[in-house]
Amino acid sequence: MAPSSSNVIDFDARRVEPFVMKAIEGFLNDPPDSDYQRGYLAGLVNVYREGLGRGVSDARLEAADRLLGAL
């Protein structure tokens, strides 16, 4: 029996989630200083929220939003 598509998506999300969050945390420790870095951070936040469906009330994402708004 073949695995359902939801199992495949969940497997991929578990592999990608730590990488994406670690990259976001890196920007919280060392804020972006170029348009390229700000765009990358915004993309990471979007992937975490929309692509992985996580982080609804995550303080790290809220801090990243504030950081992007302040720059």
PDB file of N, CA and C in Angstrom:
ATOM      1  N   MET A   1       0.838  -1.172   0.000  1.00  0.00           N
ATOM      2  CA  MET A   1       0.000   0.000   0.000  1.00  0.00           C
ATOM      3  C   MET A   1       0.890   1.244   0.000  1.00  0.00           C
ATOM      4  N   ALA A   2       0.582   2.186  -0.863  1.00  0.00           N
ATOM      5  CA  ALA A   2       1.372   3.413  -1.000  1.00  0.00           C
ATOM      6  C   ALA A   2       1.035   4.379   0.131  1.00  0.00           C
ATOM      7  N   PRO A   3       2.025   5.144   0.586  1.00  0.00           N
ATOM      8  CA  PRO A   3       1.756   6.135   1.638  1.00  0.00           C
ATOM      9  C   PRO A   3       0.880   7.256   1.094  1.00  0.00           C
ATOM     10  N   SER A   4       0.079   7.819   1.977  1.00  0.00           N
ATOM     11  CA  SER A   4      -0.762   8.940   1.559  1.00  0.00           C
ATOM     12  C   SER A   4       0.097  10.187   1.397  1.00  0.00           C
ATOM     13  N   SER A   5      -0.398  11.132   0.628  1.00  0.00           N
ATOM     14  CA  SER A   5       0.365  12.355   0.400  1.00  0.00           C
ATOM     15  C   SER A   5       0.554  13.151   1.680  1.00  0.00           C
ATOM     16  N   SER A   6      -0.367  13.035   2.644  1.00  0.00           N
ATOM     17  CA  SER A   6      -0.202  13.780   3.891  1.00  0.00           C
ATOM     18  C   SER A   6       0.999  13.266   4.680  1.00  0.00           C
ATOM     19  N   ASN A   7       1.297  11.978   4.588  1.00  0.00           N
ATOM     20  CA  ASN A   7       2.479  11.437   5.274  1.00  0.00           C
ATOM     21  C   ASN A   7       3.758  11.962   4.640  1.00  0.00           C
ATOM     22  N   VAL A   8       3.790  12.063   3.338  1.00  0.00           N
ATOM     23  CA  VAL A   8       4.968  12.558   2.636  1.00  0.00           C
ATOM     24  C   VAL A   8       5.205  14.024   2.980  1.00  0.00           C
ATOM     25  N   ILE A   9       4.158  14.823   2.967  1.00  0.00           N
ATOM     26  CA  ILE A   9       4.275  16.243   3.294  1.00  0.00           C
ATOM     27  C   ILE A   9       4.749  16.416   4.730  1.00  0.00           C
ATOM     28  N   ASP A  10       4.201  15.626   5.658  1.00  0.00           N
ATOM     29  CA  ASP A  10       4.601  15.731   7.047  1.00  0.00           C
ATOM     30  C   ASP A  10       6.070  15.357   7.209  1.00  0.00           C
ATOM     31  N   PHE A  11       6.522  14.329   6.521  1.00  0.00           N
ATOM     32  CA  PHE A  11       7.925  13.928   6.584  1.00  0.00           C
ATOM     33  C   PHE A  11       8.829  15.062   6.108  1.00  0.00           C
ATOM     34  N   ASP A  12       8.468  15.665   4.989  1.00  0.00           N
ATOM     35  CA  ASP A  12       9.256  16.780   4.473  1.00  0.00           C
ATOM     36  C   ASP A  12       9.257  17.961   5.439  1.00  0.00           C
ATOM     37  N   ALA A  13       8.123  18.250   6.030  1.00  0.00           N
ATOM     38  CA  ALA A  13       8.031  19.366   6.971  1.00  0.00           C
ATOM     39  C   ALA A  13       8.930  19.135   8.177  1.00  0.00           C
ATOM     40  N   ARG A  14       8.979  17.914   8.669  1.00  0.00           N
ATOM     41  CA  ARG A  14       9.839  17.615   9.818  1.00  0.00           C
ATOM     42  C   ARG A  14      11.311  17.788   9.483  1.00  0.00           C
ATOM     43  N   ARG A  15      11.673  17.554   8.249  1.00  0.00           N
ATOM     44  CA  ARG A  15      13.064  17.719   7.839  1.00  0.00           C
ATOM     45  C   ARG A  15      13.407  19.184   7.618  1.00  0.00           C
ATOM     46  N   VAL A  16      12.474  19.965   7.121  1.00  0.00           N
ATOM     47  CA  VAL A  16      12.745  21.360   6.756  1.00  0.00           C
ATOM     48  C   VAL A  16      12.579  22.307   7.940  1.00  0.00           C
ATOM     49  N   GLU A  17      11.640  22.021   8.815  1.00  0.00           N
ATOM     50  CA  GLU A  17      11.320  22.938   9.913  1.00  0.00           C
ATOM     51  C   GLU A  17      12.533  23.354  10.742  1.00  0.00           C
ATOM     52  N   PRO A  18      13.392  22.442  11.200  1.00  0.00           N
ATOM     53  CA  PRO A  18      14.543  22.884  12.014  1.00  0.00           C
ATOM     54  C   PRO A  18      15.491  23.802  11.251  1.00  0.00           C
ATOM     55  N   PHE A  19      15.709  23.534   9.981  1.00  0.00           N
ATOM     56  CA  PHE A  19      16.591  24.375   9.174  1.00  0.00           C
ATOM     57  C   PHE A  19      16.033  25.791   9.062  1.00  0.00           C
ATOM     58  N   VAL A  20      14.739  25.897   8.759  1.00  0.00           N
ATOM     59  CA  VAL A  20      14.122  27.210   8.567  1.00  0.00           C
ATOM     60  C   VAL A  20      14.143  27.995   9.875  1.00  0.00           C
ATOM     61  N   MET A  21      13.783  27.351  10.984  1.00  0.00           N
ATOM     62  CA  MET A  21      13.753  28.069  12.263  1.00  0.00           C
ATOM     63  C   MET A  21      15.154  28.472  12.696  1.00  0.00           C
ATOM     64  N   LYS A  22      16.142  27.626  12.459  1.00  0.00           N
ATOM     65  CA  LYS A  22      17.512  27.983  12.832  1.00  0.00           C
ATOM     66  C   LYS A  22      17.984  29.205  12.040  1.00  0.00           C
ATOM     67  N   ALA A  23      17.602  29.279  10.770  1.00  0.00           N
ATOM     68  CA  ALA A  23      17.971  30.437   9.946  1.00  0.00           C
ATOM     69  C   ALA A  23      17.276  31.701  10.455  1.00  0.00           C
ATOM     70  N   ILE A  24      16.008  31.595  10.838  1.00  0.00           N
ATOM     71  CA  ILE A  24      15.279  32.747  11.385  1.00  0.00           C
ATOM     72  C   ILE A  24      15.945  33.205  12.680  1.00  0.00           C
ATOM     73  N   GLU A  25      16.262  32.264  13.556  1.00  0.00           N
ATOM     74  CA  GLU A  25      16.919  32.609  14.818  1.00  0.00           C
ATOM     75  C   GLU A  25      18.270  33.272  14.575  1.00  0.00           C
ATOM     76  N   GLY A  26      18.962  32.853  13.530  1.00  0.00           N
ATOM     77  CA  GLY A  26      20.232  33.481  13.192  1.00  0.00           C
ATOM     78  C   GLY A  26      20.066  34.954  12.900  1.00  0.00           C
ATOM     79  N   PHE A  27      18.984  35.309  12.203  1.00  0.00           N
ATOM     80  CA  PHE A  27      18.724  36.719  11.914  1.00  0.00           C
ATOM     81  C   PHE A  27      18.288  37.483  13.161  1.00  0.00           C
ATOM     82  N   LEU A  28      17.669  36.807  14.123  1.00  0.00           N
ATOM     83  CA  LEU A  28      17.301  37.484  15.365  1.00  0.00           C
ATOM     84  C   LEU A  28      18.554  37.820  16.176  1.00  0.00           C
ATOM     85  N   ASN A  29      19.575  36.972  16.065  1.00  0.00           N
ATOM     86  CA  ASN A  29      20.847  37.216  16.767  1.00  0.00           C
ATOM     87  C   ASN A  29      21.737  38.212  16.027  1.00  0.00           C
ATOM     88  N   ASP A  30      21.620  38.245  14.711  1.00  0.00           N
ATOM     89  CA  ASP A  30      22.432  39.136  13.869  1.00  0.00           C
ATOM     90  C   ASP A  30      21.507  39.699  12.792  1.00  0.00           C
ATOM     91  N   PRO A  31      20.836  40.823  13.072  1.00  0.00           N
ATOM     92  CA  PRO A  31      19.809  41.353  12.167  1.00  0.00           C
ATOM     93  C   PRO A  31      20.318  41.568  10.741  1.00  0.00           C
ATOM     94  N   PRO A  32      19.415  41.424   9.778  1.00  0.00           N
ATOM     95  CA  PRO A  32      19.797  41.621   8.376  1.00  0.00           C
ATOM     96  C   PRO A  32      20.254  43.053   8.134  1.00  0.00           C
ATOM     97  N   ASP A  33      21.271  43.198   7.279  1.00  0.00           N
ATOM     98  CA  ASP A  33      21.786  44.537   7.004  1.00  0.00           C
ATOM     99  C   ASP A  33      21.808  44.860   5.516  1.00  0.00           C
ATOM    100  N   SER A  34      21.060  44.108   4.737  1.00  0.00           N
ATOM    101  CA  SER A  34      20.944  44.412   3.311  1.00  0.00           C
ATOM    102  C   SER A  34      19.541  44.032   2.845  1.00  0.00           C
ATOM    103  N   ASP A  35      19.150  44.568   1.703  1.00  0.00           N
ATOM    104  CA  ASP A  35      17.845  44.212   1.151  1.00  0.00           C
ATOM    105  C   ASP A  35      17.758  42.717   0.873  1.00  0.00           C
ATOM    106  N   TYR A  36      18.844  42.134   0.416  1.00  0.00           N
ATOM    107  CA  TYR A  36      18.874  40.700   0.131  1.00  0.00           C
ATOM    108  C   TYR A  36      18.580  39.901   1.399  1.00  0.00           C
ATOM    109  N   GLN A  37      19.254  40.244   2.500  1.00  0.00           N
ATOM    110  CA  GLN A  37      19.048  39.525   3.751  1.00  0.00           C
ATOM    111  C   GLN A  37      17.642  39.730   4.293  1.00  0.00           C
ATOM    112  N   ARG A  38      17.107  40.949   4.185  1.00  0.00           N
ATOM    113  CA  ARG A  38      15.733  41.203   4.634  1.00  0.00           C
ATOM    114  C   ARG A  38      14.740  40.379   3.814  1.00  0.00           C
ATOM    115  N   GLY A  39      14.970  40.304   2.514  1.00  0.00           N
ATOM    116  CA  GLY A  39      14.099  39.504   1.660  1.00  0.00           C
ATOM    117  C   GLY A  39      14.186  38.027   1.984  1.00  0.00           C
ATOM    118  N   TYR A  40      15.390  37.559   2.278  1.00  0.00           N
ATOM    119  CA  TYR A  40      15.579  36.158   2.649  1.00  0.00           C
ATOM    120  C   TYR A  40      14.859  35.854   3.954  1.00  0.00           C
ATOM    121  N   LEU A  41      14.999  36.738   4.947  1.00  0.00           N
ATOM    122  CA  LEU A  41      14.308  36.548   6.220  1.00  0.00           C
ATOM    123  C   LEU A  41      12.796  36.547   6.011  1.00  0.00           C
ATOM    124  N   ALA A  42      12.298  37.478   5.231  1.00  0.00           N
ATOM    125  CA  ALA A  42      10.855  37.522   4.966  1.00  0.00           C
ATOM    126  C   ALA A  42      10.394  36.230   4.291  1.00  0.00           C
ATOM    127  N   GLY A  43      11.202  35.712   3.376  1.00  0.00           N
ATOM    128  CA  GLY A  43      10.877  34.452   2.716  1.00  0.00           C
ATOM    129  C   GLY A  43      10.873  33.280   3.686  1.00  0.00           C
ATOM    130  N   LEU A  44      11.853  33.252   4.585  1.00  0.00           N
ATOM    131  CA  LEU A  44      11.897  32.184   5.587  1.00  0.00           C
ATOM    132  C   LEU A  44      10.662  32.210   6.482  1.00  0.00           C
ATOM    133  N   VAL A  45      10.275  33.399   6.907  1.00  0.00           N
ATOM    134  CA  VAL A  45       9.096  33.532   7.762  1.00  0.00           C
ATOM    135  C   VAL A  45       7.849  33.061   7.000  1.00  0.00           C
ATOM    136  N   ASN A  46       7.756  33.435   5.741  1.00  0.00           N
ATOM    137  CA  ASN A  46       6.605  33.034   4.935  1.00  0.00           C
ATOM    138  C   ASN A  46       6.572  31.516   4.742  1.00  0.00           C
ATOM    139  N   VAL A  47       7.702  30.911   4.456  1.00  0.00           N
ATOM    140  CA  VAL A  47       7.757  29.453   4.289  1.00  0.00           C
ATOM    141  C   VAL A  47       7.350  28.766   5.587  1.00  0.00           C
ATOM    142  N   TYR A  48       7.831  29.268   6.706  1.00  0.00           N
ATOM    143  CA  TYR A  48       7.504  28.645   7.992  1.00  0.00           C
ATOM    144  C   TYR A  48       6.005  28.709   8.263  1.00  0.00           C
ATOM    145  N   ARG A  49       5.431  29.869   8.020  1.00  0.00           N
ATOM    146  CA  ARG A  49       4.000  30.026   8.294  1.00  0.00           C
ATOM    147  C   ARG A  49       3.115  29.360   7.240  1.00  0.00           C
ATOM    148  N   GLU A  50       3.332  29.709   6.002  1.00  0.00           N
ATOM    149  CA  GLU A  50       2.438  29.261   4.932  1.00  0.00           C
ATOM    150  C   GLU A  50       2.789  27.859   4.424  1.00  0.00           C
ATOM    151  N   GLY A  51       4.071  27.601   4.235  1.00  0.00           N
ATOM    152  CA  GLY A  51       4.476  26.319   3.687  1.00  0.00           C
ATOM    153  C   GLY A  51       4.404  25.187   4.686  1.00  0.00           C
ATOM    154  N   LEU A  52       4.810  25.468   5.925  1.00  0.00           N
ATOM    155  CA  LEU A  52       4.812  24.438   6.953  1.00  0.00           C
ATOM    156  C   LEU A  52       3.564  24.495   7.829  1.00  0.00           C
ATOM    157  N   GLY A  53       2.845  25.606   7.759  1.00  0.00           N
ATOM    158  CA  GLY A  53       1.628  25.739   8.563  1.00  0.00           C
ATOM    159  C   GLY A  53       1.895  25.790  10.051  1.00  0.00           C
ATOM    160  N   ARG A  54       2.998  26.393  10.424  1.00  0.00           N
ATOM    161  CA  ARG A  54       3.366  26.451  11.842  1.00  0.00           C
ATOM    162  C   ARG A  54       3.651  27.894  12.261  1.00  0.00           C
ATOM    163  N   GLY A  55       3.795  28.080  13.573  1.00  0.00           N
ATOM    164  CA  GLY A  55       4.248  29.356  14.084  1.00  0.00           C
ATOM    165  C   GLY A  55       3.185  30.395  14.305  1.00  0.00           C
ATOM    166  N   VAL A  56       1.936  29.964  14.475  1.00  0.00           N
ATOM    167  CA  VAL A  56       0.853  30.933  14.634  1.00  0.00           C
ATOM    168  C   VAL A  56       1.121  31.896  15.782  1.00  0.00           C
ATOM    169  N   SER A  57       1.570  31.403  16.908  1.00  0.00           N
ATOM    170  CA  SER A  57       1.827  32.293  18.054  1.00  0.00           C
ATOM    171  C   SER A  57       3.271  32.153  18.535  1.00  0.00           C
ATOM    172  N   ASP A  58       4.185  31.885  17.635  1.00  0.00           N
ATOM    173  CA  ASP A  58       5.591  31.709  17.988  1.00  0.00           C
ATOM    174  C   ASP A  58       6.244  33.078  18.178  1.00  0.00           C
ATOM    175  N   ALA A  59       6.807  33.296  19.354  1.00  0.00           N
ATOM    176  CA  ALA A  59       7.423  34.587  19.680  1.00  0.00           C
ATOM    177  C   ALA A  59       8.592  34.907  18.751  1.00  0.00           C
ATOM    178  N   ARG A  60       9.293  33.886  18.258  1.00  0.00           N
ATOM    179  CA  ARG A  60      10.424  34.129  17.352  1.00  0.00           C
ATOM    180  C   ARG A  60       9.940  34.716  16.026  1.00  0.00           C
ATOM    181  N   LEU A  61       8.804  34.253  15.543  1.00  0.00           N
ATOM    182  CA  LEU A  61       8.269  34.797  14.294  1.00  0.00           C
ATOM    183  C   LEU A  61       7.726  36.199  14.504  1.00  0.00           C
ATOM    184  N   GLU A  62       7.128  36.436  15.645  1.00  0.00           N
ATOM    185  CA  GLU A  62       6.659  37.784  15.954  1.00  0.00           C
ATOM    186  C   GLU A  62       7.840  38.747  16.045  1.00  0.00           C
ATOM    187  N   ALA A  63       8.940  38.303  16.612  1.00  0.00           N
ATOM    188  CA  ALA A  63      10.152  39.136  16.689  1.00  0.00           C
ATOM    189  C   ALA A  63      10.712  39.386  15.306  1.00  0.00           C
ATOM    190  N   ALA A  64      10.688  38.384  14.446  1.00  0.00           N
ATOM    191  CA  ALA A  64      11.162  38.561  13.062  1.00  0.00           C
ATOM    192  C   ALA A  64      10.269  39.554  12.324  1.00  0.00           C
ATOM    193  N   ASP A  65       8.955  39.486  12.550  1.00  0.00           N
ATOM    194  CA  ASP A  65       8.039  40.450  11.928  1.00  0.00           C
ATOM    195  C   ASP A  65       8.370  41.871  12.373  1.00  0.00           C
ATOM    196  N   ARG A  66       8.614  42.034  13.676  1.00  0.00           N
ATOM    197  CA  ARG A  66       8.962  43.371  14.182  1.00  0.00           C
ATOM    198  C   ARG A  66      10.284  43.834  13.593  1.00  0.00           C
ATOM    199  N   LEU A  67      11.229  42.923  13.496  1.00  0.00           N
ATOM    200  CA  LEU A  67      12.532  43.260  12.924  1.00  0.00           C
ATOM    201  C   LEU A  67      12.380  43.702  11.472  1.00  0.00           C
ATOM    202  N   LEU A  68      11.578  43.005  10.714  1.00  0.00           N
ATOM    203  CA  LEU A  68      11.353  43.387   9.307  1.00  0.00           C
ATOM    204  C   LEU A  68      10.605  44.702   9.189  1.00  0.00           C
ATOM    205  N   GLY A  69       9.690  44.951  10.103  1.00  0.00           N
ATOM    206  CA  GLY A  69       8.939  46.207  10.081  1.00  0.00           C
ATOM    207  C   GLY A  69       9.771  47.401  10.484  1.00  0.00           C
ATOM    208  N   ALA A  70      10.783  47.157  11.302  1.00  0.00           N
ATOM    209  CA  ALA A  70      11.616  48.244  11.815  1.00  0.00           C
ATOM    210  C   ALA A  70      12.701  48.657  10.837  1.00  0.00           C
ATOM    211  N   LEU A  71      12.957  47.836   9.846  1.00  0.00           N
ATOM    212  CA  LEU A  71      14.072  48.133   8.946  1.00  0.00           C
ATOM    213  C   LEU A  71      13.646  48.866   7.717  1.00  0.00           C
TER     214      LEU A  71
END
